[in-house]
Protein backbone atom coordinates (compact mmCIF):
# COMPACT_ATOMS: atom_id res chain seq x y z
CA MET A 1 107.33 -99.70 128.38
CA SER A 2 110.78 -98.67 127.21
CA GLU A 3 112.21 -95.27 127.81
CA ARG A 4 112.64 -92.77 125.02
CA ALA A 5 116.12 -92.09 123.72
CA SER A 6 117.69 -88.89 124.94
CA ILE A 7 118.82 -86.36 122.33
CA PHE A 8 121.64 -85.30 124.65
CA GLU A 9 123.35 -88.68 124.94
CA LYS A 10 126.02 -89.47 122.36
CA PRO A 11 125.20 -92.70 120.51
CA LYS A 12 127.68 -95.56 120.84
CA PRO A 13 128.73 -97.28 117.64
CA LYS A 14 127.02 -100.66 117.38
CA VAL A 15 128.54 -101.90 114.17
CA ASP A 16 132.25 -102.63 113.74
CA VAL A 17 133.39 -101.25 110.38
CA SER A 18 137.11 -101.68 110.90
CA GLY A 19 137.21 -104.52 108.36
CA PHE A 20 136.16 -102.25 105.49
CA ALA A 21 138.84 -100.62 103.38
CA PRO A 22 139.06 -98.94 99.93
CA ARG A 23 139.86 -101.15 96.99
CA ALA A 24 143.51 -101.36 96.09
CA GLU A 25 143.00 -101.30 92.30
CA PRO A 26 140.03 -100.05 90.31
CA GLU A 27 137.99 -102.63 88.43
CA ALA A 28 138.72 -102.97 84.74
CA ARG A 29 135.91 -101.44 82.65
CA PRO A 30 134.84 -102.71 79.28
CA ARG A 31 135.61 -100.63 76.26
CA PRO A 32 132.62 -98.66 74.70
CA GLU A 33 133.03 -100.69 71.48
CA ASP A 34 132.58 -103.98 73.42
CA LEU A 35 129.41 -102.64 75.12
CA GLU A 36 127.90 -101.58 71.75
CA GLU A 37 128.51 -105.09 70.42
CA LEU A 38 126.89 -106.71 73.45
CA THR A 39 123.75 -104.52 73.19
CA ARG A 40 123.22 -105.07 69.46
CA GLY A 41 121.93 -108.60 69.84
CA SER A 42 119.82 -107.96 72.93
CA LYS A 43 116.61 -106.01 73.39
CA PHE A 44 118.46 -103.11 75.08
CA ARG A 45 116.92 -99.77 74.36
CA SER A 46 119.24 -96.77 74.56
CA ARG A 47 118.18 -93.70 76.44
CA GLU A 48 120.19 -91.44 74.19
CA GLY A 49 118.64 -89.57 71.29
CA ALA A 50 115.00 -89.86 72.36
CA ASP A 51 112.98 -87.07 70.87
CA PRO A 52 110.73 -85.33 73.34
CA GLU A 53 107.03 -85.68 72.66
CA PRO A 54 105.54 -82.48 71.23
CA SER A 55 103.49 -80.57 73.78
CA ARG A 56 99.75 -80.68 73.58
CA VAL A 57 99.16 -76.97 73.84
CA GLN A 58 101.15 -74.65 71.64
CA GLN A 59 102.33 -71.50 73.26
CA ARG A 60 101.27 -68.38 71.48
CA ARG A 61 103.28 -65.30 72.44
CA ARG A 62 102.31 -61.84 71.33
CA ARG A 63 103.26 -58.31 72.40
CA THR A 64 99.91 -56.66 73.08
CA GLY A 65 100.53 -54.37 76.00
CA ARG A 66 98.44 -56.63 78.22
CA ASN A 67 100.78 -57.30 81.11
CA VAL A 68 98.46 -58.04 84.06
CA GLN A 69 97.68 -61.59 84.92
CA PHE A 70 94.05 -62.59 85.69
CA ASN A 71 93.49 -66.03 87.15
CA ILE A 72 89.98 -67.50 87.54
CA ARG A 73 88.61 -70.94 88.32
CA ALA A 74 86.36 -72.58 85.71
CA THR A 75 85.36 -75.97 84.56
CA GLN A 76 87.59 -77.66 81.97
CA GLN A 77 84.82 -77.41 79.43
CA VAL A 78 84.59 -73.64 79.75
CA ILE A 79 88.35 -73.26 79.49
CA ASP A 80 88.50 -75.50 76.42
CA GLU A 81 85.68 -73.50 74.73
CA PHE A 82 87.51 -70.26 75.53
CA LYS A 83 90.84 -71.49 74.17
CA ALA A 84 89.13 -72.96 71.11
CA LEU A 85 87.47 -69.55 70.41
CA SER A 86 90.80 -67.76 70.76
CA GLU A 87 92.41 -70.23 68.43
CA GLU A 88 89.60 -70.02 65.91
CA MET A 89 89.71 -66.22 65.79
CA ASP A 90 93.54 -66.19 66.09
CA TRP A 91 93.24 -63.74 68.98
CA PRO A 92 95.28 -63.57 72.17
CA ASP A 93 93.34 -64.69 75.26
CA GLY A 94 93.20 -61.08 76.52
CA LEU A 95 91.52 -59.89 73.40
CA THR A 96 89.01 -62.75 73.52
CA LEU A 97 88.18 -61.76 77.11
CA GLU A 98 87.76 -58.11 76.08
CA LYS A 99 85.42 -59.01 73.20
CA ALA A 100 83.40 -61.36 75.44
CA LEU A 101 82.95 -58.53 78.02
CA ILE A 102 81.81 -56.12 75.31
CA ALA A 103 79.31 -58.66 74.02
CA LEU A 104 78.06 -59.39 77.57
CA LYS A 105 77.49 -55.69 78.31
CA ARG A 106 75.62 -55.32 74.95
CA GLU A 107 73.36 -58.31 75.84
CA MET A 108 72.72 -56.85 79.30
CA GLN A 109 71.72 -53.43 77.84
CA LYS A 110 69.23 -55.07 75.47
CA GLY A 111 67.14 -56.64 78.12
């Protein structure tokens, strides 16, 4: 078995890099007009000007005085139904939760 390397020993250079040197002159770059002409005939797709895809869920911001966050775990189906109800009624999520609690208390008092 070989011995482990010590972290206290200074490593000795194993590669000779004395032959490397910076370039004397920079390479000539093509003009932007020449590049555009070259890419016109090919299937090159530019990365510029790409419109971002619209987000799936639209943010709804309202000033309601509800400023405490309440995180719960639920199935995706329950969350989707909750969000759909909020959207249908055009209520903020906090108001939907308040109305749901009132309705649940009412149901519990009935029987």
